[in-house]
Amino acid sequence: MPNGAARTRILLADDHALVRRGVRLILDGEPDLTVVAEAGDGAEAIEKARAEAPDLAILDIAMPRMTGLQAARELSRQQPEMRILMLTMYDNEQYFFEALKAGAAGYVLKSVADRDLVEACRAAMRDEPFLYPGAVTALIRDFLSRAREGERLPARAITEREEEILKLVAEGHTSKEIAQILVISAKTVERHRANLLQKLGLKDRLDLTRYAIRAGLIEP
C-alpha cells in the first residue's frame, strides 16, 4: 500500500461472533484493510452502514431478521457507491446468482476465507468481480444452458416485502411481532401472508417455512 493511502473501511456482518472474530483477524492483519463496524444480522448491518459509511460491506448470507441478500439489496439502493461481498458456508448456485442480482461484487466461501477473502476485498475495491472457481463453472453452465434453450430468467415470484414477511413467519414470529419489527399494521402482515400462500400455492406456516429454507431465507 502506498504511504499515506487510506485503508479500505469494512463493515462485517455475521450472526456468529466467532466467525466475525476470525474474519476480522484476517482483514485487520492486512495493511490496506480495516474493520470499522460489526453487525449480527442484516437489519443491524444497514444501521451500521448508515452510521459508519464504510467502503465495503461483507455480509453473511444466512442471518436472522434480515438475510445478507436482503441487506445487500437495501444497501445497494441506499449507498450505491459502497462495494458488497457475500460470505457463505454454502457452495450453492442459487445463492450465488441471487448475490449477483442483489448487487454483490463477489461471493466467498467461509471454508476458504483465509485464502480468498483478502483477494476478494481488493478485487471489489477495484470494481472487479470476485468469483471462486465453482462459481465460474456455475456461471458458464448457466449461460450455456440458457443459450441452448433460448430461455430467459424467470421473473421474481414474490415482492421484497413479501420476502421479508416470509422470512419472519418462517423464523416463528407472530403477526403482531412482525408488525412491530417492520413498523406496519398486523392487518397488513396478515394480508401479505394470505397473498404469499395464494401466490406460492401453499397451505400453512409449515409450507411457508419449507419454502423459505429452499429459497435460502433461513437455515434448515
Protein backbone atom coordinates (compact mmCIF):
# COMPACT_ATOMS: atom_id res chain seq x y z
CA MET A 1 0.00 0.00 0.00
CA PRO A 2 1.44 3.39 -0.92
CA ASN A 3 2.45 5.57 2.05
CA GLY A 4 -0.46 7.69 3.24
CA ALA A 5 -3.06 5.73 1.22
CA ALA A 6 -6.31 5.30 3.12
CA ARG A 7 -7.27 1.83 4.30
CA THR A 8 -10.44 0.24 2.94
CA ARG A 9 -13.03 0.63 5.72
CA ILE A 10 -15.07 -2.56 6.13
CA LEU A 11 -18.41 -3.44 7.73
CA LEU A 12 -18.57 -7.12 8.73
CA ALA A 13 -21.96 -8.80 9.29
CA ASP A 14 -22.35 -12.38 10.53
CA ASP A 15 -24.63 -13.76 13.25
CA HIS A 16 -21.80 -15.86 14.74
CA ALA A 17 -19.41 -13.83 16.91
CA LEU A 18 -16.66 -16.46 16.46
CA VAL A 19 -16.87 -16.18 12.68
CA ARG A 20 -16.69 -12.38 12.89
CA ARG A 21 -13.68 -12.64 15.16
CA GLY A 22 -11.86 -14.99 12.76
CA VAL A 23 -12.66 -12.90 9.69
CA ARG A 24 -11.68 -9.71 11.50
CA LEU A 25 -8.28 -11.20 12.34
CA ILE A 26 -7.70 -11.97 8.66
CA LEU A 27 -8.73 -8.49 7.50
CA ASP A 28 -7.12 -6.39 10.23
CA GLY A 29 -3.85 -8.23 9.59
CA GLU A 30 -3.63 -6.55 6.16
CA PRO A 31 -2.06 -3.09 5.76
CA ASP A 32 -4.76 -1.83 3.39
CA LEU A 33 -7.90 -3.20 5.15
CA THR A 34 -9.60 -2.37 8.46
CA VAL A 35 -12.89 -3.46 10.03
CA VAL A 36 -14.70 -0.35 11.34
CA ALA A 37 -18.04 -1.94 12.32
CA GLU A 38 -19.63 -5.32 13.03
CA ALA A 39 -23.26 -6.46 12.87
CA GLY A 40 -25.09 -9.62 13.94
CA ASP A 41 -27.85 -9.53 11.33
CA GLY A 42 -28.88 -7.79 8.11
CA ALA A 43 -31.01 -5.10 9.76
CA GLU A 44 -28.16 -4.12 12.09
CA ALA A 45 -25.80 -4.11 9.09
CA ILE A 46 -27.96 -1.47 7.39
CA GLU A 47 -27.95 0.67 10.57
CA LYS A 48 -24.16 0.37 10.94
CA ALA A 49 -23.62 1.15 7.25
CA ARG A 50 -25.65 4.36 7.66
CA ALA A 51 -23.65 5.36 10.74
CA GLU A 52 -20.16 4.43 9.51
CA ALA A 53 -20.39 4.82 5.70
CA PRO A 54 -17.87 2.00 5.06
CA ASP A 55 -16.22 1.43 1.68
CA LEU A 56 -17.07 -2.27 1.69
CA ALA A 57 -19.69 -4.49 3.38
CA ILE A 58 -19.03 -8.21 3.90
CA LEU A 59 -22.36 -9.92 4.57
CA ASP A 60 -23.11 -13.49 5.64
CA ILE A 61 -25.96 -14.83 3.52
CA ALA A 62 -27.90 -16.66 6.28
CA MET A 63 -28.67 -14.28 9.16
CA PRO A 64 -31.72 -13.78 11.43
CA ARG A 65 -34.25 -10.91 11.00
CA MET A 66 -32.89 -9.99 7.57
CA THR A 67 -30.61 -12.12 5.37
CA GLY A 68 -27.40 -10.88 3.80
CA LEU A 69 -29.11 -10.94 0.40
CA GLN A 70 -31.97 -8.75 1.65
CA ALA A 71 -29.47 -6.38 3.28
CA ALA A 72 -27.37 -6.27 0.09
CA ARG A 73 -30.39 -5.21 -1.97
CA GLU A 74 -31.21 -2.44 0.51
CA LEU A 75 -27.59 -1.26 0.81
CA SER A 76 -27.22 -1.20 -2.99
CA ARG A 77 -30.16 1.21 -3.09
CA GLN A 78 -29.13 3.35 -0.12
CA GLN A 79 -25.37 3.51 -0.69
CA PRO A 80 -24.69 2.57 -4.33
CA GLU A 81 -21.04 3.61 -4.07
CA MET A 82 -20.36 1.01 -1.36
CA ARG A 83 -18.99 -2.37 -2.53
CA ILE A 84 -20.55 -5.59 -1.22
CA LEU A 85 -19.18 -9.11 -0.79
CA MET A 86 -21.22 -12.13 0.32
CA LEU A 87 -19.78 -14.66 2.74
CA THR A 88 -21.34 -18.11 2.98
CA MET A 89 -20.90 -21.72 4.06
CA TYR A 90 -22.82 -22.89 1.01
CA ASP A 91 -21.45 -23.56 -2.45
CA ASN A 92 -24.94 -23.07 -3.84
CA GLU A 93 -25.60 -21.81 -7.37
CA GLN A 94 -28.97 -20.29 -6.43
CA TYR A 95 -27.41 -18.18 -3.65
CA PHE A 96 -24.59 -17.19 -5.98
CA PHE A 97 -26.90 -15.85 -8.70
CA GLU A 98 -29.11 -14.12 -6.10
CA ALA A 99 -25.98 -12.45 -4.66
CA LEU A 100 -25.04 -11.05 -8.07
CA LYS A 101 -28.62 -9.81 -8.62
CA ALA A 102 -28.55 -8.17 -5.16
CA GLY A 103 -25.56 -6.07 -6.21
CA ALA A 104 -22.69 -8.06 -4.68
CA ALA A 105 -19.26 -7.86 -6.31
CA GLY A 106 -18.29 -11.33 -5.15
CA TYR A 107 -19.12 -14.49 -3.23
CA VAL A 108 -16.61 -16.03 -0.81
CA LEU A 109 -16.92 -19.44 0.84
CA LYS A 110 -16.21 -19.41 4.60
CA SER A 111 -14.26 -22.65 4.26
CA VAL A 112 -11.58 -20.86 2.21
CA ALA A 113 -11.99 -17.32 3.58
CA ASP A 114 -8.41 -17.31 4.86
CA ARG A 115 -7.27 -17.90 1.26
CA ASP A 116 -9.81 -15.88 -0.76
CA LEU A 117 -11.26 -13.08 1.33
CA VAL A 118 -8.41 -10.56 1.17
CA GLU A 119 -8.13 -11.00 -2.59
CA ALA A 120 -11.92 -10.62 -2.91
CA CYS A 121 -11.87 -7.35 -0.91
CA ARG A 122 -9.16 -5.87 -3.12
CA ALA A 123 -10.93 -7.01 -6.29
CA ALA A 124 -14.20 -5.42 -5.12
CA MET A 125 -12.43 -2.11 -4.44
CA ARG A 126 -11.02 -2.22 -7.98
CA ASP A 127 -14.60 -2.70 -9.26
CA GLU A 128 -13.75 -6.23 -10.38
CA PRO A 129 -15.99 -9.21 -9.63
CA PHE A 130 -14.54 -11.96 -7.44
CA LEU A 131 -15.67 -15.45 -8.38
CA TYR A 132 -14.43 -18.60 -6.69
CA PRO A 133 -13.70 -21.48 -9.14
CA GLY A 134 -17.02 -23.30 -8.55
CA ALA A 135 -18.92 -20.08 -9.22
CA VAL A 136 -17.16 -19.60 -12.56
CA THR A 137 -18.22 -23.13 -13.54
CA ALA A 138 -21.81 -22.38 -12.48
CA LEU A 139 -21.88 -19.15 -14.50
CA ILE A 140 -20.61 -20.85 -17.64
CA ARG A 141 -23.00 -23.80 -17.23
CA ASP A 142 -25.96 -21.46 -16.67
CA PHE A 143 -25.04 -19.30 -19.68
CA LEU A 144 -24.65 -22.31 -21.97
CA SER A 145 -27.88 -23.89 -20.75
CA ARG A 146 -29.88 -20.70 -21.29
CA ALA A 147 -28.32 -20.10 -24.68
CA ARG A 148 -29.11 -23.67 -25.74
CA GLU A 149 -32.72 -23.50 -24.52
CA GLY A 150 -33.26 -19.89 -25.60
CA GLU A 151 -34.55 -19.25 -22.07
CA ARG A 152 -34.87 -16.05 -20.11
CA LEU A 153 -34.54 -15.96 -16.31
CA PRO A 154 -37.95 -16.34 -14.62
CA ALA A 155 -39.49 -13.25 -13.06
CA ARG A 156 -39.25 -12.89 -9.29
CA ALA A 157 -42.10 -14.86 -7.69
CA ILE A 158 -42.69 -12.61 -4.66
CA THR A 159 -42.08 -8.97 -3.77
CA GLU A 160 -39.30 -7.88 -1.42
CA ARG A 161 -41.85 -7.00 1.32
CA GLU A 162 -43.43 -10.46 0.95
CA GLU A 163 -39.96 -11.98 1.22
CA GLU A 164 -39.32 -10.06 4.46
CA ILE A 165 -42.60 -11.32 5.92
CA LEU A 166 -42.00 -14.89 4.68
CA LYS A 167 -38.62 -14.97 6.44
CA LEU A 168 -40.05 -13.67 9.72
CA VAL A 169 -43.01 -16.10 9.59
CA ALA A 170 -40.60 -18.98 8.98
CA GLU A 171 -38.50 -17.85 11.96
CA GLY A 172 -41.58 -18.30 14.15
CA HIS A 173 -42.65 -14.68 14.69
CA THR A 174 -46.35 -13.90 15.23
CA SER A 175 -48.16 -11.39 13.03
CA LYS A 176 -48.04 -8.89 15.92
CA GLU A 177 -44.27 -9.31 16.31
CA ILE A 178 -43.73 -8.99 12.55
CA ALA A 179 -45.84 -5.82 12.51
CA GLN A 180 -43.60 -4.35 15.25
CA ILE A 181 -40.35 -5.37 13.50
CA LEU A 182 -41.41 -3.94 10.12
CA VAL A 183 -43.36 -0.99 11.58
CA ILE A 184 -46.59 -1.88 9.75
CA SER A 185 -50.02 -2.95 10.99
CA ALA A 186 -50.80 -6.57 11.93
CA LYS A 187 -53.65 -6.41 9.38
CA THR A 188 -51.11 -5.61 6.63
CA VAL A 189 -48.97 -8.55 7.76
CA GLU A 190 -51.99 -10.88 7.56
CA ARG A 191 -52.80 -9.61 4.05
CA HIS A 192 -49.23 -10.27 2.89
CA ARG A 193 -49.33 -13.76 4.45
CA ALA A 194 -52.54 -14.56 2.61
CA ASN A 195 -51.03 -13.27 -0.64
CA LEU A 196 -47.95 -15.44 -0.10
CA LEU A 197 -49.97 -18.60 0.46
CA GLN A 198 -52.07 -17.90 -2.64
CA LYS A 199 -49.13 -16.91 -4.89
CA LEU A 200 -46.98 -19.87 -3.90
CA GLY A 201 -49.83 -22.38 -3.74
CA LEU A 202 -49.08 -23.22 -0.10
CA LYS A 203 -51.39 -24.15 2.80
CA ASP A 204 -49.87 -23.04 6.12
CA ARG A 205 -46.87 -21.82 8.13
CA LEU A 206 -45.10 -25.19 7.77
CA ASP A 207 -45.28 -24.93 3.98
CA LEU A 208 -44.04 -21.33 4.14
CA THR A 209 -41.12 -22.44 6.34
CA ARG A 210 -40.14 -25.19 3.90
CA TYR A 211 -40.31 -22.71 1.03
CA ALA A 212 -38.14 -20.21 3.00
CA ILE A 213 -35.48 -22.91 3.54
CA ARG A 214 -35.46 -23.82 -0.18
CA ALA A 215 -35.21 -20.12 -1.10
CA GLY A 216 -32.20 -19.65 1.20
CA LEU A 217 -34.01 -17.22 3.54
CA ILE A 218 -33.39 -19.34 6.64
CA GLU A 219 -31.11 -22.24 7.50
CA PRO A 220 -32.68 -25.67 7.98
